[in-house]
Amino acid sequence: MTKPTPLSVAQALILSTAAQRPDHMVLPFPSSLRARGAAQRHLVTSLIKLSFIEEVLTLLPALSWRQDEQGLLHALRITDAGLAAIGIAVDPAVVAAARPSPTC
């Protein structure tokens, strides 16, 4: 059995905020998050590497965290692993049916 990855307070705040949103999107960051700039990018990168959040395409600039070489906007969404990391049990069938596309 693998040992759970310990989360920093900032990582837990990002994940729990995303988990409370109907679309499970990470952005905008919670206003109580003190990290800015490069520190935010480091938090996001570490959560992506842990597979706790994932990049998804979006048409909504307010949800985007980066734009790729083709000009496509990428948003961030909490994954089932991210939900599990903060103690939320996940039924994949329910999540798939309830999760709207961020491009809508």
PDB file of N, CA and C in Angstrom:
ATOM      1  N   MET A   1       0.843  -1.177   0.000  1.00  0.00           N
ATOM      2  CA  MET A   1       0.000   0.000   0.000  1.00  0.00           C
ATOM      3  C   MET A   1       0.889   1.241   0.000  1.00  0.00           C
ATOM      4  N   THR A   2       0.569   2.212  -0.869  1.00  0.00           N
ATOM      5  CA  THR A   2       1.384   3.409  -0.955  1.00  0.00           C
ATOM      6  C   THR A   2       0.971   4.408   0.113  1.00  0.00           C
ATOM      7  N   LYS A   3       1.948   5.164   0.554  1.00  0.00           N
ATOM      8  CA  LYS A   3       1.721   6.160   1.586  1.00  0.00           C
ATOM      9  C   LYS A   3       1.144   7.425   0.932  1.00  0.00           C
ATOM     10  N   PRO A   4       0.102   8.039   1.527  1.00  0.00           N
ATOM     11  CA  PRO A   4      -0.461   9.252   0.945  1.00  0.00           C
ATOM     12  C   PRO A   4       0.575  10.378   0.907  1.00  0.00           C
ATOM     13  N   THR A   5       0.492  11.186  -0.137  1.00  0.00           N
ATOM     14  CA  THR A   5       1.386  12.321  -0.268  1.00  0.00           C
ATOM     15  C   THR A   5       0.919  13.426   0.670  1.00  0.00           C
ATOM     16  N   PRO A   6       1.806  13.907   1.544  1.00  0.00           N
ATOM     17  CA  PRO A   6       1.396  15.004   2.422  1.00  0.00           C
ATOM     18  C   PRO A   6       1.245  16.287   1.605  1.00  0.00           C
ATOM     19  N   LEU A   7       0.188  17.012   1.884  1.00  0.00           N
ATOM     20  CA  LEU A   7      -0.082  18.260   1.177  1.00  0.00           C
ATOM     21  C   LEU A   7       0.303  19.446   2.044  1.00  0.00           C
ATOM     22  N   SER A   8       0.803  20.485   1.391  1.00  0.00           N
ATOM     23  CA  SER A   8       1.032  21.735   2.113  1.00  0.00           C
ATOM     24  C   SER A   8      -0.327  22.388   2.361  1.00  0.00           C
ATOM     25  N   VAL A   9      -0.345  23.368   3.222  1.00  0.00           N
ATOM     26  CA  VAL A   9      -1.588  24.096   3.503  1.00  0.00           C
ATOM     27  C   VAL A   9      -2.103  24.746   2.221  1.00  0.00           C
ATOM     28  N   ALA A  10      -1.207  25.324   1.427  1.00  0.00           N
ATOM     29  CA  ALA A  10      -1.608  25.983   0.179  1.00  0.00           C
ATOM     30  C   ALA A  10      -2.179  24.975  -0.820  1.00  0.00           C
ATOM     31  N   GLN A  11      -1.544  23.810  -0.956  1.00  0.00           N
ATOM     32  CA  GLN A  11      -2.054  22.782  -1.865  1.00  0.00           C
ATOM     33  C   GLN A  11      -3.436  22.304  -1.427  1.00  0.00           C
ATOM     34  N   ALA A  12      -3.604  22.070  -0.129  1.00  0.00           N
ATOM     35  CA  ALA A  12      -4.902  21.631   0.383  1.00  0.00           C
ATOM     36  C   ALA A  12      -5.967  22.696   0.158  1.00  0.00           C
ATOM     37  N   LEU A  13      -5.604  23.954   0.307  1.00  0.00           N
ATOM     38  CA  LEU A  13      -6.544  25.055   0.076  1.00  0.00           C
ATOM     39  C   LEU A  13      -6.988  25.090  -1.386  1.00  0.00           C
ATOM     40  N   ILE A  14      -6.052  24.952  -2.305  1.00  0.00           N
ATOM     41  CA  ILE A  14      -6.376  24.953  -3.739  1.00  0.00           C
ATOM     42  C   ILE A  14      -7.306  23.788  -4.069  1.00  0.00           C
ATOM     43  N   LEU A  15      -6.961  22.595  -3.597  1.00  0.00           N
ATOM     44  CA  LEU A  15      -7.767  21.409  -3.901  1.00  0.00           C
ATOM     45  C   LEU A  15      -9.150  21.483  -3.266  1.00  0.00           C
ATOM     46  N   SER A  16      -9.231  21.918  -2.023  1.00  0.00           N
ATOM     47  CA  SER A  16     -10.542  21.959  -1.364  1.00  0.00           C
ATOM     48  C   SER A  16     -11.443  23.019  -1.979  1.00  0.00           C
ATOM     49  N   THR A  17     -10.863  24.125  -2.424  1.00  0.00           N
ATOM     50  CA  THR A  17     -11.664  25.152  -3.097  1.00  0.00           C
ATOM     51  C   THR A  17     -12.204  24.617  -4.421  1.00  0.00           C
ATOM     52  N   ALA A  18     -11.347  23.951  -5.198  1.00  0.00           N
ATOM     53  CA  ALA A  18     -11.792  23.381  -6.476  1.00  0.00           C
ATOM     54  C   ALA A  18     -12.859  22.318  -6.259  1.00  0.00           C
ATOM     55  N   ALA A  19     -12.718  21.530  -5.210  1.00  0.00           N
ATOM     56  CA  ALA A  19     -13.675  20.456  -4.928  1.00  0.00           C
ATOM     57  C   ALA A  19     -15.063  21.009  -4.611  1.00  0.00           C
ATOM     58  N   GLN A  20     -15.131  22.209  -4.086  1.00  0.00           N
ATOM     59  CA  GLN A  20     -16.409  22.815  -3.721  1.00  0.00           C
ATOM     60  C   GLN A  20     -17.128  23.446  -4.914  1.00  0.00           C
ATOM     61  N   ARG A  21     -16.437  23.615  -6.008  1.00  0.00           N
ATOM     62  CA  ARG A  21     -17.037  24.237  -7.196  1.00  0.00           C
ATOM     63  C   ARG A  21     -17.732  23.166  -8.035  1.00  0.00           C
ATOM     64  N   PRO A  22     -18.896  23.488  -8.590  1.00  0.00           N
ATOM     65  CA  PRO A  22     -19.627  22.494  -9.390  1.00  0.00           C
ATOM     66  C   PRO A  22     -18.827  21.968 -10.588  1.00  0.00           C
ATOM     67  N   ASP A  23     -17.992  22.818 -11.186  1.00  0.00           N
ATOM     68  CA  ASP A  23     -17.211  22.397 -12.350  1.00  0.00           C
ATOM     69  C   ASP A  23     -15.833  21.851 -11.965  1.00  0.00           C
ATOM     70  N   HIS A  24     -15.487  21.904 -10.674  1.00  0.00           N
ATOM     71  CA  HIS A  24     -14.208  21.420 -10.137  1.00  0.00           C
ATOM     72  C   HIS A  24     -12.997  22.141 -10.715  1.00  0.00           C
ATOM     73  N   MET A  25     -13.187  23.373 -11.178  1.00  0.00           N
ATOM     74  CA  MET A  25     -12.078  24.134 -11.744  1.00  0.00           C
ATOM     75  C   MET A  25     -11.243  24.763 -10.630  1.00  0.00           C
ATOM     76  N   VAL A  26      -9.935  24.834 -10.856  1.00  0.00           N
ATOM     77  CA  VAL A  26      -8.992  25.347  -9.867  1.00  0.00           C
ATOM     78  C   VAL A  26      -9.002  26.880  -9.823  1.00  0.00           C
ATOM     79  N   LEU A  27      -9.089  27.500 -10.980  1.00  0.00           N
ATOM     80  CA  LEU A  27      -9.075  28.962 -11.043  1.00  0.00           C
ATOM     81  C   LEU A  27     -10.485  29.526 -11.031  1.00  0.00           C
ATOM     82  N   PRO A  28     -10.669  30.684 -10.471  1.00  0.00           N
ATOM     83  CA  PRO A  28      -9.656  31.515  -9.826  1.00  0.00           C
ATOM     84  C   PRO A  28      -9.225  30.928  -8.489  1.00  0.00           C
ATOM     85  N   PHE A  29      -7.973  31.237  -8.121  1.00  0.00           N
ATOM     86  CA  PHE A  29      -7.459  30.772  -6.838  1.00  0.00           C
ATOM     87  C   PHE A  29      -8.263  31.397  -5.706  1.00  0.00           C
ATOM     88  N   PRO A  30      -8.340  30.727  -4.574  1.00  0.00           N
ATOM     89  CA  PRO A  30      -9.031  31.316  -3.429  1.00  0.00           C
ATOM     90  C   PRO A  30      -8.332  32.611  -2.992  1.00  0.00           C
ATOM     91  N   SER A  31      -9.100  33.588  -2.583  1.00  0.00           N
ATOM     92  CA  SER A  31      -8.528  34.886  -2.200  1.00  0.00           C
ATOM     93  C   SER A  31      -7.609  34.773  -0.985  1.00  0.00           C
ATOM     94  N   SER A  32      -7.783  33.747  -0.186  1.00  0.00           N
ATOM     95  CA  SER A  32      -6.941  33.578   1.000  1.00  0.00           C
ATOM     96  C   SER A  32      -5.577  32.959   0.693  1.00  0.00           C
ATOM     97  N   LEU A  33      -5.353  32.562  -0.564  1.00  0.00           N
ATOM     98  CA  LEU A  33      -4.058  32.006  -0.951  1.00  0.00           C
ATOM     99  C   LEU A  33      -3.033  33.136  -1.016  1.00  0.00           C
ATOM    100  N   ARG A  34      -2.003  33.028  -0.215  1.00  0.00           N
ATOM    101  CA  ARG A  34      -1.000  34.100  -0.132  1.00  0.00           C
ATOM    102  C   ARG A  34       0.055  34.005  -1.232  1.00  0.00           C
ATOM    103  N   ALA A  35       0.243  32.844  -1.805  1.00  0.00           N
ATOM    104  CA  ALA A  35       1.257  32.662  -2.851  1.00  0.00           C
ATOM    105  C   ALA A  35       0.894  33.498  -4.073  1.00  0.00           C
ATOM    106  N   ARG A  36       1.899  34.076  -4.690  1.00  0.00           N
ATOM    107  CA  ARG A  36       1.713  34.887  -5.890  1.00  0.00           C
ATOM    108  C   ARG A  36       2.767  34.518  -6.923  1.00  0.00           C
ATOM    109  N   GLY A  37       2.487  34.801  -8.181  1.00  0.00           N
ATOM    110  CA  GLY A  37       3.463  34.663  -9.254  1.00  0.00           C
ATOM    111  C   GLY A  37       4.098  33.296  -9.360  1.00  0.00           C
ATOM    112  N   ALA A  38       5.429  33.276  -9.238  1.00  0.00           N
ATOM    113  CA  ALA A  38       6.192  32.031  -9.392  1.00  0.00           C
ATOM    114  C   ALA A  38       5.797  30.997  -8.344  1.00  0.00           C
ATOM    115  N   ALA A  39       5.423  31.431  -7.163  1.00  0.00           N
ATOM    116  CA  ALA A  39       5.009  30.491  -6.119  1.00  0.00           C
ATOM    117  C   ALA A  39       3.708  29.788  -6.514  1.00  0.00           C
ATOM    118  N   GLN A  40       2.784  30.519  -7.127  1.00  0.00           N
ATOM    119  CA  GLN A  40       1.546  29.897  -7.615  1.00  0.00           C
ATOM    120  C   GLN A  40       1.862  28.883  -8.707  1.00  0.00           C
ATOM    121  N   ARG A  41       2.730  29.267  -9.624  1.00  0.00           N
ATOM    122  CA  ARG A  41       3.107  28.354 -10.714  1.00  0.00           C
ATOM    123  C   ARG A  41       3.744  27.087 -10.147  1.00  0.00           C
ATOM    124  N   HIS A  42       4.579  27.221  -9.127  1.00  0.00           N
ATOM    125  CA  HIS A  42       5.197  26.059  -8.486  1.00  0.00           C
ATOM    126  C   HIS A  42       4.135  25.164  -7.842  1.00  0.00           C
ATOM    127  N   LEU A  43       3.154  25.752  -7.165  1.00  0.00           N
ATOM    128  CA  LEU A  43       2.071  24.970  -6.563  1.00  0.00           C
ATOM    129  C   LEU A  43       1.317  24.190  -7.630  1.00  0.00           C
ATOM    130  N   VAL A  44       0.968  24.856  -8.723  1.00  0.00           N
ATOM    131  CA  VAL A  44       0.222  24.216  -9.809  1.00  0.00           C
ATOM    132  C   VAL A  44       1.046  23.089 -10.419  1.00  0.00           C
ATOM    133  N   THR A  45       2.300  23.357 -10.694  1.00  0.00           N
ATOM    134  CA  THR A  45       3.169  22.347 -11.299  1.00  0.00           C
ATOM    135  C   THR A  45       3.290  21.110 -10.407  1.00  0.00           C
ATOM    136  N   SER A  46       3.440  21.330  -9.115  1.00  0.00           N
ATOM    137  CA  SER A  46       3.559  20.183  -8.206  1.00  0.00           C
ATOM    138  C   SER A  46       2.258  19.383  -8.154  1.00  0.00           C
ATOM    139  N   LEU A  47       1.119  20.055  -8.181  1.00  0.00           N
ATOM    140  CA  LEU A  47      -0.167  19.346  -8.162  1.00  0.00           C
ATOM    141  C   LEU A  47      -0.410  18.586  -9.466  1.00  0.00           C
ATOM    142  N   ILE A  48       0.055  19.134 -10.587  1.00  0.00           N
ATOM    143  CA  ILE A  48      -0.049  18.419 -11.870  1.00  0.00           C
ATOM    144  C   ILE A  48       0.831  17.168 -11.838  1.00  0.00           C
ATOM    145  N   LYS A  49       2.064  17.292 -11.339  1.00  0.00           N
ATOM    146  CA  LYS A  49       2.981  16.144 -11.263  1.00  0.00           C
ATOM    147  C   LYS A  49       2.424  15.038 -10.379  1.00  0.00           C
ATOM    148  N   LEU A  50       1.692  15.417  -9.335  1.00  0.00           N
ATOM    149  CA  LEU A  50       1.072  14.430  -8.453  1.00  0.00           C
ATOM    150  C   LEU A  50      -0.231  13.870  -9.032  1.00  0.00           C
ATOM    151  N   SER A  51      -0.649  14.383 -10.185  1.00  0.00           N
ATOM    152  CA  SER A  51      -1.909  14.023 -10.851  1.00  0.00           C
ATOM    153  C   SER A  51      -3.132  14.399 -10.017  1.00  0.00           C
ATOM    154  N   PHE A  52      -3.004  15.432  -9.187  1.00  0.00           N
ATOM    155  CA  PHE A  52      -4.123  15.907  -8.381  1.00  0.00           C
ATOM    156  C   PHE A  52      -4.943  16.954  -9.128  1.00  0.00           C
ATOM    157  N   ILE A  53      -4.333  17.605 -10.119  1.00  0.00           N
ATOM    158  CA  ILE A  53      -5.068  18.492 -11.025  1.00  0.00           C
ATOM    159  C   ILE A  53      -4.607  18.180 -12.442  1.00  0.00           C
ATOM    160  N   GLU A  54      -5.441  18.548 -13.406  1.00  0.00           N
ATOM    161  CA  GLU A  54      -5.116  18.296 -14.809  1.00  0.00           C
ATOM    162  C   GLU A  54      -5.448  19.521 -15.638  1.00  0.00           C
ATOM    163  N   GLU A  55      -4.756  19.635 -16.763  1.00  0.00           N
ATOM    164  CA  GLU A  55      -5.060  20.700 -17.707  1.00  0.00           C
ATOM    165  C   GLU A  55      -6.195  20.254 -18.608  1.00  0.00           C
ATOM    166  N   VAL A  56      -7.119  21.171 -18.873  1.00  0.00           N
ATOM    167  CA  VAL A  56      -8.203  20.939 -19.824  1.00  0.00           C
ATOM    168  C   VAL A  56      -8.333  22.191 -20.680  1.00  0.00           C
ATOM    169  N   LEU A  57      -8.774  22.013 -21.919  1.00  0.00           N
ATOM    170  CA  LEU A  57      -8.966  23.168 -22.797  1.00  0.00           C
ATOM    171  C   LEU A  57     -10.188  23.956 -22.355  1.00  0.00           C
ATOM    172  N   THR A  58     -10.117  25.257 -22.535  1.00  0.00           N
ATOM    173  CA  THR A  58     -11.247  26.120 -22.198  1.00  0.00           C
ATOM    174  C   THR A  58     -11.347  27.249 -23.209  1.00  0.00           C
ATOM    175  N   LEU A  59     -12.523  27.801 -23.322  1.00  0.00           N
ATOM    176  CA  LEU A  59     -12.736  28.997 -24.130  1.00  0.00           C
ATOM    177  C   LEU A  59     -12.871  30.226 -23.242  1.00  0.00           C
ATOM    178  N   LEU A  60     -12.861  30.004 -21.942  1.00  0.00           N
ATOM    179  CA  LEU A  60     -13.087  31.081 -20.984  1.00  0.00           C
ATOM    180  C   LEU A  60     -11.763  31.626 -20.444  1.00  0.00           C
ATOM    181  N   PRO A  61     -11.396  32.837 -20.825  1.00  0.00           N
ATOM    182  CA  PRO A  61     -10.131  33.413 -20.352  1.00  0.00           C
ATOM    183  C   PRO A  61     -10.026  33.486 -18.828  1.00  0.00           C
ATOM    184  N   ALA A  62     -11.130  33.676 -18.139  1.00  0.00           N
ATOM    185  CA  ALA A  62     -11.101  33.774 -16.677  1.00  0.00           C
ATOM    186  C   ALA A  62     -10.663  32.470 -16.020  1.00  0.00           C
ATOM    187  N   LEU A  63     -10.845  31.351 -16.704  1.00  0.00           N
ATOM    188  CA  LEU A  63     -10.456  30.057 -16.155  1.00  0.00           C
ATOM    189  C   LEU A  63      -9.071  29.601 -16.605  1.00  0.00           C
ATOM    190  N   SER A  64      -8.486  30.309 -17.569  1.00  0.00           N
ATOM    191  CA  SER A  64      -7.227  29.825 -18.139  1.00  0.00           C
ATOM    192  C   SER A  64      -6.040  30.189 -17.263  1.00  0.00           C
ATOM    193  N   TRP A  65      -5.080  29.283 -17.266  1.00  0.00           N
ATOM    194  CA  TRP A  65      -3.846  29.553 -16.529  1.00  0.00           C
ATOM    195  C   TRP A  65      -2.669  29.715 -17.479  1.00  0.00           C
ATOM    196  N   ARG A  66      -2.853  29.220 -18.725  1.00  0.00           N
ATOM    197  CA  ARG A  66      -1.805  29.418 -19.727  1.00  0.00           C
ATOM    198  C   ARG A  66      -2.392  29.309 -21.123  1.00  0.00           C
ATOM    199  N   GLN A  67      -1.642  29.833 -22.069  1.00  0.00           N
ATOM    200  CA  GLN A  67      -1.996  29.747 -23.476  1.00  0.00           C
ATOM    201  C   GLN A  67      -0.846  29.053 -24.188  1.00  0.00           C
ATOM    202  N   ASP A  68      -1.176  28.050 -25.018  1.00  0.00           N
ATOM    203  CA  ASP A  68      -0.110  27.303 -25.688  1.00  0.00           C
ATOM    204  C   ASP A  68       0.312  27.978 -26.993  1.00  0.00           C
ATOM    205  N   GLU A  69       1.230  27.332 -27.702  1.00  0.00           N
ATOM    206  CA  GLU A  69       1.792  27.896 -28.932  1.00  0.00           C
ATOM    207  C   GLU A  69       0.736  28.120 -30.017  1.00  0.00           C
ATOM    208  N   GLN A  70      -0.320  27.309 -30.004  1.00  0.00           N
ATOM    209  CA  GLN A  70      -1.394  27.453 -30.996  1.00  0.00           C
ATOM    210  C   GLN A  70      -2.441  28.472 -30.564  1.00  0.00           C
ATOM    211  N   GLY A  71      -2.260  29.072 -29.411  1.00  0.00           N
ATOM    212  CA  GLY A  71      -3.209  30.063 -28.923  1.00  0.00           C
ATOM    213  C   GLY A  71      -4.368  29.477 -28.128  1.00  0.00           C
ATOM    214  N   LEU A  72      -4.330  28.165 -27.854  1.00  0.00           N
ATOM    215  CA  LEU A  72      -5.399  27.529 -27.090  1.00  0.00           C
ATOM    216  C   LEU A  72      -5.220  27.802 -25.604  1.00  0.00           C
ATOM    217  N   LEU A  73      -6.344  28.055 -24.927  1.00  0.00           N
ATOM    218  CA  LEU A  73      -6.324  28.329 -23.493  1.00  0.00           C
ATOM    219  C   LEU A  73      -6.455  27.032 -22.710  1.00  0.00           C
ATOM    220  N   HIS A  74      -5.683  26.920 -21.643  1.00  0.00           N
ATOM    221  CA  HIS A  74      -5.706  25.733 -20.786  1.00  0.00           C
ATOM    222  C   HIS A  74      -6.142  26.135 -19.383  1.00  0.00           C
ATOM    223  N   ALA A  75      -7.136  25.431 -18.880  1.00  0.00           N
ATOM    224  CA  ALA A  75      -7.621  25.620 -17.520  1.00  0.00           C
ATOM    225  C   ALA A  75      -7.131  24.453 -16.672  1.00  0.00           C
ATOM    226  N   LEU A  76      -7.409  24.525 -15.386  1.00  0.00           N
ATOM    227  CA  LEU A  76      -6.994  23.471 -14.455  1.00  0.00           C
ATOM    228  C   LEU A  76      -8.213  22.927 -13.728  1.00  0.00           C
ATOM    229  N   ARG A  77      -8.287  21.603 -13.623  1.00  0.00           N
ATOM    230  CA  ARG A  77      -9.416  20.955 -12.946  1.00  0.00           C
ATOM    231  C   ARG A  77      -8.884  19.898 -11.990  1.00  0.00           C
ATOM    232  N   ILE A  78      -9.507  19.799 -10.827  1.00  0.00           N
ATOM    233  CA  ILE A  78      -9.122  18.781  -9.860  1.00  0.00           C
ATOM    234  C   ILE A  78      -9.497  17.406 -10.421  1.00  0.00           C
ATOM    235  N   THR A  79      -8.643  16.429 -10.174  1.00  0.00           N
ATOM    236  CA  THR A  79      -8.879  15.062 -10.639  1.00  0.00           C
ATOM    237  C   THR A  79      -9.489  14.228  -9.518  1.00  0.00           C
ATOM    238  N   ASP A  80      -9.877  13.012  -9.853  1.00  0.00           N
ATOM    239  CA  ASP A  80     -10.374  12.093  -8.831  1.00  0.00           C
ATOM    240  C   ASP A  80      -9.293  11.836  -7.780  1.00  0.00           C
ATOM    241  N   ALA A  81      -8.038  11.760  -8.221  1.00  0.00           N
ATOM    242  CA  ALA A  81      -6.930  11.565  -7.277  1.00  0.00           C
ATOM    243  C   ALA A  81      -6.795  12.767  -6.348  1.00  0.00           C
ATOM    244  N   GLY A  82      -7.029  13.964  -6.883  1.00  0.00           N
ATOM    245  CA  GLY A  82      -6.989  15.167  -6.065  1.00  0.00           C
ATOM    246  C   GLY A  82      -8.103  15.187  -5.039  1.00  0.00           C
ATOM    247  N   LEU A  83      -9.285  14.755  -5.457  1.00  0.00           N
ATOM    248  CA  LEU A  83     -10.402  14.663  -4.511  1.00  0.00           C
ATOM    249  C   LEU A  83     -10.077  13.656  -3.413  1.00  0.00           C
ATOM    250  N   ALA A  84      -9.527  12.524  -3.799  1.00  0.00           N
ATOM    251  CA  ALA A  84      -9.169  11.493  -2.817  1.00  0.00           C
ATOM    252  C   ALA A  84      -8.088  11.999  -1.861  1.00  0.00           C
ATOM    253  N   ALA A  85      -7.170  12.831  -2.371  1.00  0.00           N
ATOM    254  CA  ALA A  85      -6.085  13.347  -1.540  1.00  0.00           C
ATOM    255  C   ALA A  85      -6.590  14.232  -0.403  1.00  0.00           C
ATOM    256  N   ILE A  86      -7.766  14.832  -0.594  1.00  0.00           N
ATOM    257  CA  ILE A  86      -8.334  15.664   0.473  1.00  0.00           C
ATOM    258  C   ILE A  86      -9.484  14.952   1.180  1.00  0.00           C
ATOM    259  N   GLY A  87      -9.575  13.643   0.933  1.00  0.00           N
ATOM    260  CA  GLY A  87     -10.522  12.829   1.686  1.00  0.00           C
ATOM    261  C   GLY A  87     -11.932  12.758   1.145  1.00  0.00           C
ATOM    262  N   ILE A  88     -12.105  13.086  -0.129  1.00  0.00           N
ATOM    263  CA  ILE A  88     -13.432  13.011  -0.729  1.00  0.00           C
ATOM    264  C   ILE A  88     -13.530  11.732  -1.551  1.00  0.00           C
ATOM    265  N   ALA A  89     -14.463  10.860  -1.165  1.00  0.00           N
ATOM    266  CA  ALA A  89     -14.679   9.605  -1.891  1.00  0.00           C
ATOM    267  C   ALA A  89     -15.304   9.925  -3.246  1.00  0.00           C
ATOM    268  N   VAL A  90     -14.865   9.217  -4.267  1.00  0.00           N
ATOM    269  CA  VAL A  90     -15.295   9.510  -5.631  1.00  0.00           C
ATOM    270  C   VAL A  90     -15.934   8.283  -6.266  1.00  0.00           C
ATOM    271  N   ASP A  91     -17.118   8.485  -6.837  1.00  0.00           N
ATOM    272  CA  ASP A  91     -17.757   7.467  -7.669  1.00  0.00           C
ATOM    273  C   ASP A  91     -17.551   7.926  -9.107  1.00  0.00           C
ATOM    274  N   PRO A  92     -16.674   7.283  -9.877  1.00  0.00           N
ATOM    275  CA  PRO A  92     -16.349   7.749 -11.225  1.00  0.00           C
ATOM    276  C   PRO A  92     -17.558   7.945 -12.133  1.00  0.00           C
ATOM    277  N   ALA A  93     -18.579   7.115 -12.007  1.00  0.00           N
ATOM    278  CA  ALA A  93     -19.762   7.253 -12.866  1.00  0.00           C
ATOM    279  C   ALA A  93     -20.505   8.556 -12.563  1.00  0.00           C
ATOM    280  N   VAL A  94     -20.592   8.894 -11.299  1.00  0.00           N
ATOM    281  CA  VAL A  94     -21.278  10.126 -10.907  1.00  0.00           C
ATOM    282  C   VAL A  94     -20.475  11.344 -11.350  1.00  0.00           C
ATOM    283  N   VAL A  95     -19.154  11.305 -11.180  1.00  0.00           N
ATOM    284  CA  VAL A  95     -18.303  12.419 -11.571  1.00  0.00           C
ATOM    285  C   VAL A  95     -18.386  12.662 -13.066  1.00  0.00           C
ATOM    286  N   ALA A  96     -18.307  11.604 -13.861  1.00  0.00           N
ATOM    287  CA  ALA A  96     -18.343  11.744 -15.321  1.00  0.00           C
ATOM    288  C   ALA A  96     -19.662  12.333 -15.788  1.00  0.00           C
ATOM    289  N   ALA A  97     -20.751  11.954 -15.182  1.00  0.00           N
ATOM    290  CA  ALA A  97     -22.064  12.450 -15.579  1.00  0.00           C
ATOM    291  C   ALA A  97     -22.277  13.899 -15.141  1.00  0.00           C
ATOM    292  N   ALA A  98     -21.714  14.272 -14.015  1.00  0.00           N
ATOM    293  CA  ALA A  98     -21.962  15.612 -13.464  1.00  0.00           C
ATOM    294  C   ALA A  98     -20.981  16.659 -13.908  1.00  0.00           C
ATOM    295  N   ARG A  99     -19.807  16.258 -14.407  1.00  0.00           N
ATOM    296  CA  ARG A  99     -18.756  17.211 -14.731  1.00  0.00           C
ATOM    297  C   ARG A  99     -19.024  17.881 -16.075  1.00  0.00           C
ATOM    298  N   PRO A 100     -19.354  19.189 -16.088  1.00  0.00           N
ATOM    299  CA  PRO A 100     -19.588  19.883 -17.345  1.00  0.00           C
ATOM    300  C   PRO A 100     -18.273  20.193 -18.047  1.00  0.00           C
ATOM    301  N   SER A 101     -18.340  20.405 -19.330  1.00  0.00           N
ATOM    302  CA  SER A 101     -17.168  20.785 -20.086  1.00  0.00           C
ATOM    303  C   SER A 101     -16.848  22.245 -19.794  1.00  0.00           C
ATOM    304  N   PRO A 102     -15.573  22.600 -19.542  1.00  0.00           N
ATOM    305  CA  PRO A 102     -15.235  23.986 -19.245  1.00  0.00           C
ATOM    306  C   PRO A 102     -15.311  24.888 -20.458  1.00  0.00           C
ATOM    307  N   THR A 103     -15.488  24.314 -21.654  1.00  0.00           N
ATOM    308  CA  THR A 103     -15.562  25.124 -22.860  1.00  0.00           C
ATOM    309  C   THR A 103     -16.965  25.637 -23.132  1.00  0.00           C
ATOM    310  N   CYS A 104     -17.913  25.241 -22.319  1.00  0.00           N
ATOM    311  CA  CYS A 104     -19.305  25.683 -22.514  1.00  0.00           C
ATOM    312  C   CYS A 104     -19.494  27.120 -22.119  1.00  0.00           C
TER     313      CYS A 104
END
